[in-house]
Amino acid sequence: MTEETPGNFDEKPDVPSGVTPDDAAETAESSEKEGPAAPAGDAAKIAGLTAQLDQVRMALNERTADLQRLQAEYQNYRRRVERDRVTVKEIATASLLTEFLPVLDDIGRAREHGELVGGFKSVAESLETAAAKMGLQQFGKEGEPFDPTIHEALMHSYAPDVTETTCVAVLQPGYRIGERIIRPARVAVAEPQPGATLAKEESVNDEESGGPEEGA
């Protein structure tokens, strides 16, 4: 006997009981058209991330403002320290140079009397140069108006040829460092002669009016 070989049969997918092949095909096509459904929690996650981003931005702005404030305070601190440093240096320099003022006065008197010669002259000039490099400045001249903030009047007189209180002699020169006065200039002053100002004003008035009136 010969065995019968089954012919070509199409294999069909398993179909649940009670469902026809046409129903199964329609279900598959519907699933392919709808595609994957979006997760329900995505919107909530996005809202949460947005809120966190706003918080981070707010914190960043606060930290930036703090940093700017600290930078401004540091700049003010540096300026204050520099100003104090300059002030302390000026005070220390003034204290040192004050001790040399009598020596400088002796040098000045020796120069006036023609005694600044030889090796003494060289030493004196070196000392004056060193003091000038440290910022020491001499002031006080004959003929300048008297200023009580920089002058100290040791002698007083009247003079007919001055129109205001004037320094007529410098007894000791003044010294300063920058705007700091370490010794005022000690001077002799002269004021206008009493009544001279009134007489001068009357003379000016007479000249403007054509001279004094003549008697009849």
C-alpha atoms as a PDB file:
ATOM      1  CA  MET A   1       0.000   0.000   0.000  1.00  0.00           C
ATOM      2  CA  THR A   2       1.221   3.448  -0.730  1.00  0.00           C
ATOM      3  CA  GLU A   3       1.078   6.268   1.892  1.00  0.00           C
ATOM      4  CA  GLU A   4      -0.792   9.365   0.896  1.00  0.00           C
ATOM      5  CA  THR A   5       1.204  12.581   1.294  1.00  0.00           C
ATOM      6  CA  PRO A   6      -0.894  15.560   2.326  1.00  0.00           C
ATOM      7  CA  GLY A   7      -1.016  18.256  -0.328  1.00  0.00           C
ATOM      8  CA  ASN A   8      -0.246  21.992   0.052  1.00  0.00           C
ATOM      9  CA  PHE A   9      -2.350  23.425   2.807  1.00  0.00           C
ATOM     10  CA  ASP A  10      -2.194  27.131   3.914  1.00  0.00           C
ATOM     11  CA  GLU A  11      -1.389  27.546   7.594  1.00  0.00           C
ATOM     12  CA  LYS A  12      -3.793  29.844   9.400  1.00  0.00           C
ATOM     13  CA  PRO A  13      -3.164  31.598  12.682  1.00  0.00           C
ATOM     14  CA  ASP A  14      -4.821  30.385  15.780  1.00  0.00           C
ATOM     15  CA  VAL A  15      -8.162  32.074  16.205  1.00  0.00           C
ATOM     16  CA  PRO A  16      -9.910  32.133  19.573  1.00  0.00           C
ATOM     17  CA  SER A  17     -12.976  30.085  19.804  1.00  0.00           C
ATOM     18  CA  GLY A  18     -16.144  31.933  18.887  1.00  0.00           C
ATOM     19  CA  VAL A  19     -14.281  34.471  16.713  1.00  0.00           C
ATOM     20  CA  THR A  20     -14.428  34.126  13.008  1.00  0.00           C
ATOM     21  CA  PRO A  21     -11.416  34.785  10.816  1.00  0.00           C
ATOM     22  CA  ASP A  22     -13.018  37.990   9.481  1.00  0.00           C
ATOM     23  CA  ASP A  23     -13.471  39.379  13.004  1.00  0.00           C
ATOM     24  CA  ALA A  24      -9.830  38.718  13.825  1.00  0.00           C
ATOM     25  CA  ALA A  25      -8.635  40.556  10.699  1.00  0.00           C
ATOM     26  CA  GLU A  26     -10.760  43.612  11.528  1.00  0.00           C
ATOM     27  CA  THR A  27      -9.355  43.726  15.082  1.00  0.00           C
ATOM     28  CA  ALA A  28      -5.766  43.624  13.806  1.00  0.00           C
ATOM     29  CA  GLU A  29      -6.382  46.398  11.295  1.00  0.00           C
ATOM     30  CA  SER A  30      -7.989  48.590  13.969  1.00  0.00           C
ATOM     31  CA  SER A  31      -5.015  48.126  16.308  1.00  0.00           C
ATOM     32  CA  GLU A  32      -2.554  49.089  13.555  1.00  0.00           C
ATOM     33  CA  LYS A  33      -4.488  52.326  12.761  1.00  0.00           C
ATOM     34  CA  GLU A  34      -4.812  53.525  16.367  1.00  0.00           C
ATOM     35  CA  GLY A  35      -1.062  53.181  17.153  1.00  0.00           C
ATOM     36  CA  PRO A  36       0.429  53.253  20.691  1.00  0.00           C
ATOM     37  CA  ALA A  37      -1.558  55.272  23.253  1.00  0.00           C
ATOM     38  CA  ALA A  38       0.234  58.276  24.966  1.00  0.00           C
ATOM     39  CA  PRO A  39       1.004  57.729  28.657  1.00  0.00           C
ATOM     40  CA  ALA A  40      -1.474  59.550  30.853  1.00  0.00           C
ATOM     41  CA  GLY A  41       1.241  60.934  33.224  1.00  0.00           C
ATOM     42  CA  ASP A  42       3.352  62.871  30.608  1.00  0.00           C
ATOM     43  CA  ALA A  43       1.471  66.156  31.061  1.00  0.00           C
ATOM     44  CA  ALA A  44       1.903  66.025  34.836  1.00  0.00           C
ATOM     45  CA  LYS A  45       5.635  65.334  34.457  1.00  0.00           C
ATOM     46  CA  ILE A  46       6.108  68.307  32.100  1.00  0.00           C
ATOM     47  CA  ALA A  47       4.276  70.614  34.514  1.00  0.00           C
ATOM     48  CA  GLY A  48       6.466  69.409  37.367  1.00  0.00           C
ATOM     49  CA  LEU A  49       9.683  69.951  35.385  1.00  0.00           C
ATOM     50  CA  THR A  50       8.543  73.462  34.412  1.00  0.00           C
ATOM     51  CA  ALA A  51       7.940  74.338  38.059  1.00  0.00           C
ATOM     52  CA  GLN A  52      11.377  73.011  39.017  1.00  0.00           C
ATOM     53  CA  LEU A  53      12.988  75.042  36.221  1.00  0.00           C
ATOM     54  CA  ASP A  54      11.294  78.220  37.494  1.00  0.00           C
ATOM     55  CA  GLN A  55      12.606  77.524  40.997  1.00  0.00           C
ATOM     56  CA  VAL A  56      16.123  77.000  39.664  1.00  0.00           C
ATOM     57  CA  ARG A  57      15.951  80.268  37.724  1.00  0.00           C
ATOM     58  CA  MET A  58      14.738  82.145  40.795  1.00  0.00           C
ATOM     59  CA  ALA A  59      17.529  80.670  42.923  1.00  0.00           C
ATOM     60  CA  LEU A  60      20.086  81.591  40.231  1.00  0.00           C
ATOM     61  CA  ASN A  61      18.868  85.196  40.160  1.00  0.00           C
ATOM     62  CA  GLU A  62      19.126  85.414  43.948  1.00  0.00           C
ATOM     63  CA  ARG A  63      22.657  84.004  43.954  1.00  0.00           C
ATOM     64  CA  THR A  64      23.673  86.392  41.164  1.00  0.00           C
ATOM     65  CA  ALA A  65      22.345  89.358  43.163  1.00  0.00           C
ATOM     66  CA  ASP A  66      24.235  88.125  46.249  1.00  0.00           C
ATOM     67  CA  LEU A  67      27.437  87.817  44.232  1.00  0.00           C
ATOM     68  CA  GLN A  68      27.074  91.333  42.817  1.00  0.00           C
ATOM     69  CA  ARG A  69      26.461  92.735  46.308  1.00  0.00           C
ATOM     70  CA  LEU A  70      29.515  90.931  47.687  1.00  0.00           C
ATOM     71  CA  GLN A  71      31.634  92.220  44.795  1.00  0.00           C
ATOM     72  CA  ALA A  72      30.522  95.806  45.462  1.00  0.00           C
ATOM     73  CA  GLU A  73      31.283  95.433  49.183  1.00  0.00           C
ATOM     74  CA  TYR A  74      34.719  94.023  48.365  1.00  0.00           C
ATOM     75  CA  GLN A  75      35.507  96.943  46.052  1.00  0.00           C
ATOM     76  CA  ASN A  76      34.469  99.400  48.784  1.00  0.00           C
ATOM     77  CA  TYR A  77      36.636  97.502  51.266  1.00  0.00           C
ATOM     78  CA  ARG A  78      39.644  97.674  48.945  1.00  0.00           C
ATOM     79  CA  ARG A  79      39.210 101.421  48.428  1.00  0.00           C
ATOM     80  CA  ARG A  80      38.870 101.966  52.182  1.00  0.00           C
ATOM     81  CA  VAL A  81      41.978  99.899  52.906  1.00  0.00           C
ATOM     82  CA  GLU A  82      43.964 101.769  50.244  1.00  0.00           C
ATOM     83  CA  ARG A  83      42.812 105.122  51.625  1.00  0.00           C
ATOM     84  CA  ASP A  84      43.758 104.098  55.160  1.00  0.00           C
ATOM     85  CA  ARG A  85      47.106 102.813  53.945  1.00  0.00           C
ATOM     86  CA  VAL A  86      47.896 106.154  52.274  1.00  0.00           C
ATOM     87  CA  THR A  87      46.806 108.044  55.393  1.00  0.00           C
ATOM     88  CA  VAL A  88      48.967 105.911  57.680  1.00  0.00           C
ATOM     89  CA  LYS A  89      51.929 106.348  55.332  1.00  0.00           C
ATOM     90  CA  GLU A  90      51.482 110.135  55.305  1.00  0.00           C
ATOM     91  CA  ILE A  91      51.262 110.263  59.095  1.00  0.00           C
ATOM     92  CA  ALA A  92      54.395 108.141  59.496  1.00  0.00           C
ATOM     93  CA  THR A  93      56.293 110.221  56.931  1.00  0.00           C
ATOM     94  CA  ALA A  94      55.160 113.471  58.546  1.00  0.00           C
ATOM     95  CA  SER A  95      56.282 112.252  61.969  1.00  0.00           C
ATOM     96  CA  LEU A  96      59.703 111.340  60.596  1.00  0.00           C
ATOM     97  CA  LEU A  97      60.227 114.549  58.664  1.00  0.00           C
ATOM     98  CA  THR A  98      59.068 116.699  61.577  1.00  0.00           C
ATOM     99  CA  GLU A  99      62.202 115.599  63.414  1.00  0.00           C
ATOM    100  CA  PHE A 100      64.332 116.904  60.536  1.00  0.00           C
ATOM    101  CA  LEU A 101      62.744 120.358  60.347  1.00  0.00           C
ATOM    102  CA  PRO A 102      65.217 121.973  62.804  1.00  0.00           C
ATOM    103  CA  VAL A 103      68.068 120.602  60.676  1.00  0.00           C
ATOM    104  CA  LEU A 104      66.478 122.034  57.537  1.00  0.00           C
ATOM    105  CA  ASP A 105      66.076 125.370  59.330  1.00  0.00           C
ATOM    106  CA  ASP A 106      69.797 125.370  60.170  1.00  0.00           C
ATOM    107  CA  ILE A 107      70.624 124.595  56.542  1.00  0.00           C
ATOM    108  CA  GLY A 108      68.446 127.499  55.419  1.00  0.00           C
ATOM    109  CA  ARG A 109      70.118 129.945  57.807  1.00  0.00           C
ATOM    110  CA  ALA A 110      73.580 128.742  56.765  1.00  0.00           C
ATOM    111  CA  ARG A 111      72.642 129.313  53.119  1.00  0.00           C
ATOM    112  CA  GLU A 112      71.446 132.862  53.867  1.00  0.00           C
ATOM    113  CA  HIS A 113      74.723 133.700  55.594  1.00  0.00           C
ATOM    114  CA  GLY A 114      76.882 132.132  52.873  1.00  0.00           C
ATOM    115  CA  GLU A 115      78.137 129.385  55.148  1.00  0.00           C
ATOM    116  CA  LEU A 116      76.829 126.499  53.033  1.00  0.00           C
ATOM    117  CA  VAL A 117      80.133 125.491  51.415  1.00  0.00           C
ATOM    118  CA  GLY A 118      82.338 122.459  50.928  1.00  0.00           C
ATOM    119  CA  GLY A 119      81.319 119.066  52.169  1.00  0.00           C
ATOM    120  CA  PHE A 120      78.608 120.577  54.384  1.00  0.00           C
ATOM    121  CA  LYS A 121      76.904 121.936  51.271  1.00  0.00           C
ATOM    122  CA  SER A 122      76.907 118.521  49.594  1.00  0.00           C
ATOM    123  CA  VAL A 123      75.458 116.811  52.677  1.00  0.00           C
ATOM    124  CA  ALA A 124      72.836 119.530  53.108  1.00  0.00           C
ATOM    125  CA  GLU A 125      71.703 119.323  49.496  1.00  0.00           C
ATOM    126  CA  SER A 126      71.497 115.516  49.704  1.00  0.00           C
ATOM    127  CA  LEU A 127      69.300 115.793  52.799  1.00  0.00           C
ATOM    128  CA  GLU A 128      67.025 118.344  51.122  1.00  0.00           C
ATOM    129  CA  THR A 129      66.737 116.135  48.042  1.00  0.00           C
ATOM    130  CA  ALA A 130      65.834 113.100  50.131  1.00  0.00           C
ATOM    131  CA  ALA A 131      63.180 115.077  52.017  1.00  0.00           C
ATOM    132  CA  ALA A 132      61.705 116.337  48.733  1.00  0.00           C
ATOM    133  CA  LYS A 133      61.521 112.763  47.395  1.00  0.00           C
ATOM    134  CA  MET A 134      59.499 111.843  50.471  1.00  0.00           C
ATOM    135  CA  GLY A 135      56.983 114.533  49.529  1.00  0.00           C
ATOM    136  CA  LEU A 136      58.136 117.396  51.756  1.00  0.00           C
ATOM    137  CA  GLN A 137      57.291 120.802  50.272  1.00  0.00           C
ATOM    138  CA  GLN A 138      58.369 124.189  51.566  1.00  0.00           C
ATOM    139  CA  PHE A 139      56.040 127.185  51.406  1.00  0.00           C
ATOM    140  CA  GLY A 140      55.819 130.773  52.629  1.00  0.00           C
ATOM    141  CA  LYS A 141      56.944 133.866  50.704  1.00  0.00           C
ATOM    142  CA  GLU A 142      57.213 137.556  51.452  1.00  0.00           C
ATOM    143  CA  GLY A 143      54.440 139.649  49.936  1.00  0.00           C
ATOM    144  CA  GLU A 144      51.760 136.950  49.844  1.00  0.00           C
ATOM    145  CA  PRO A 145      48.425 137.553  51.615  1.00  0.00           C
ATOM    146  CA  PHE A 146      48.232 136.264  55.169  1.00  0.00           C
ATOM    147  CA  ASP A 147      46.264 133.006  55.427  1.00  0.00           C
ATOM    148  CA  PRO A 148      45.680 131.802  58.996  1.00  0.00           C
ATOM    149  CA  THR A 149      45.259 128.210  57.791  1.00  0.00           C
ATOM    150  CA  ILE A 150      48.882 128.020  56.596  1.00  0.00           C
ATOM    151  CA  HIS A 151      50.566 130.992  58.295  1.00  0.00           C
ATOM    152  CA  GLU A 152      51.380 131.701  61.938  1.00  0.00           C
ATOM    153  CA  ALA A 153      51.842 135.406  62.672  1.00  0.00           C
ATOM    154  CA  LEU A 154      54.669 135.995  65.157  1.00  0.00           C
ATOM    155  CA  MET A 155      55.045 139.738  64.567  1.00  0.00           C
ATOM    156  CA  HIS A 156      52.502 142.404  63.682  1.00  0.00           C
ATOM    157  CA  SER A 157      52.831 145.935  62.315  1.00  0.00           C
ATOM    158  CA  TYR A 158      51.147 148.527  60.117  1.00  0.00           C
ATOM    159  CA  ALA A 159      52.293 149.659  56.702  1.00  0.00           C
ATOM    160  CA  PRO A 160      50.938 152.378  54.407  1.00  0.00           C
ATOM    161  CA  ASP A 161      51.761 150.443  51.226  1.00  0.00           C
ATOM    162  CA  VAL A 162      49.589 147.346  51.851  1.00  0.00           C
ATOM    163  CA  THR A 163      45.881 147.023  51.203  1.00  0.00           C
ATOM    164  CA  GLU A 164      45.354 143.797  53.164  1.00  0.00           C
ATOM    165  CA  THR A 165      47.066 141.801  55.865  1.00  0.00           C
ATOM    166  CA  THR A 166      50.296 140.736  54.174  1.00  0.00           C
ATOM    167  CA  CYS A 167      53.304 138.586  55.046  1.00  0.00           C
ATOM    168  CA  VAL A 168      56.224 141.019  55.034  1.00  0.00           C
ATOM    169  CA  ALA A 169      58.854 138.605  56.373  1.00  0.00           C
ATOM    170  CA  VAL A 170      59.209 134.834  56.649  1.00  0.00           C
ATOM    171  CA  LEU A 171      60.776 133.946  59.979  1.00  0.00           C
ATOM    172  CA  GLN A 172      60.520 130.185  59.428  1.00  0.00           C
ATOM    173  CA  PRO A 173      59.296 128.518  56.235  1.00  0.00           C
ATOM    174  CA  GLY A 174      56.300 126.219  56.400  1.00  0.00           C
ATOM    175  CA  TYR A 175      56.327 122.586  55.338  1.00  0.00           C
ATOM    176  CA  ARG A 176      53.618 120.249  54.114  1.00  0.00           C
ATOM    177  CA  ILE A 177      53.194 116.802  52.588  1.00  0.00           C
ATOM    178  CA  GLY A 178      50.488 116.859  49.971  1.00  0.00           C
ATOM    179  CA  GLU A 179      47.606 118.718  51.602  1.00  0.00           C
ATOM    180  CA  ARG A 180      48.796 117.942  55.139  1.00  0.00           C
ATOM    181  CA  ILE A 181      50.435 120.895  56.900  1.00  0.00           C
ATOM    182  CA  ILE A 182      53.157 119.633  59.214  1.00  0.00           C
ATOM    183  CA  ARG A 183      54.288 123.134  60.191  1.00  0.00           C
ATOM    184  CA  PRO A 184      52.761 126.505  59.299  1.00  0.00           C
ATOM    185  CA  ALA A 185      54.956 129.251  57.921  1.00  0.00           C
ATOM    186  CA  ARG A 186      55.927 131.583  60.760  1.00  0.00           C
ATOM    187  CA  VAL A 187      55.773 135.122  59.470  1.00  0.00           C
ATOM    188  CA  ALA A 188      55.679 138.802  60.312  1.00  0.00           C
ATOM    189  CA  VAL A 189      52.556 140.497  59.019  1.00  0.00           C
ATOM    190  CA  ALA A 190      51.616 144.065  58.272  1.00  0.00           C
ATOM    191  CA  GLU A 191      48.138 145.551  58.095  1.00  0.00           C
ATOM    192  CA  PRO A 192      47.040 148.739  56.315  1.00  0.00           C
ATOM    193  CA  GLN A 193      47.676 151.912  58.291  1.00  0.00           C
ATOM    194  CA  PRO A 194      44.595 152.851  60.358  1.00  0.00           C
ATOM    195  CA  GLY A 195      42.606 155.448  58.418  1.00  0.00           C
ATOM    196  CA  ALA A 196      44.599 154.853  55.241  1.00  0.00           C
ATOM    197  CA  THR A 197      41.812 152.844  53.634  1.00  0.00           C
ATOM    198  CA  LEU A 198      39.227 155.542  54.402  1.00  0.00           C
ATOM    199  CA  ALA A 199      41.512 158.288  53.064  1.00  0.00           C
ATOM    200  CA  LYS A 200      42.153 156.273  49.896  1.00  0.00           C
ATOM    201  CA  GLU A 201      38.439 155.758  49.337  1.00  0.00           C
ATOM    202  CA  GLU A 202      37.809 159.497  49.791  1.00  0.00           C
ATOM    203  CA  SER A 203      40.590 160.273  47.322  1.00  0.00           C
ATOM    204  CA  VAL A 204      39.077 157.931  44.754  1.00  0.00           C
ATOM    205  CA  ASN A 205      35.658 159.487  45.248  1.00  0.00           C
ATOM    206  CA  ASP A 206      37.116 162.996  44.799  1.00  0.00           C
ATOM    207  CA  GLU A 207      38.823 161.959  41.575  1.00  0.00           C
ATOM    208  CA  GLU A 208      35.601 160.487  40.218  1.00  0.00           C
ATOM    209  CA  SER A 209      33.606 163.647  41.124  1.00  0.00           C
ATOM    210  CA  GLY A 210      36.166 166.051  39.604  1.00  0.00           C
ATOM    211  CA  GLY A 211      38.061 167.059  42.718  1.00  0.00           C
ATOM    212  CA  PRO A 212      37.082 168.720  45.974  1.00  0.00           C
ATOM    213  CA  GLU A 213      34.623 171.612  45.806  1.00  0.00           C
ATOM    214  CA  GLU A 214      36.229 175.079  46.097  1.00  0.00           C
ATOM    215  CA  GLY A 215      34.863 177.576  48.582  1.00  0.00           C
ATOM    216  CA  ALA A 216      32.977 180.709  47.330  1.00  0.00           C
END
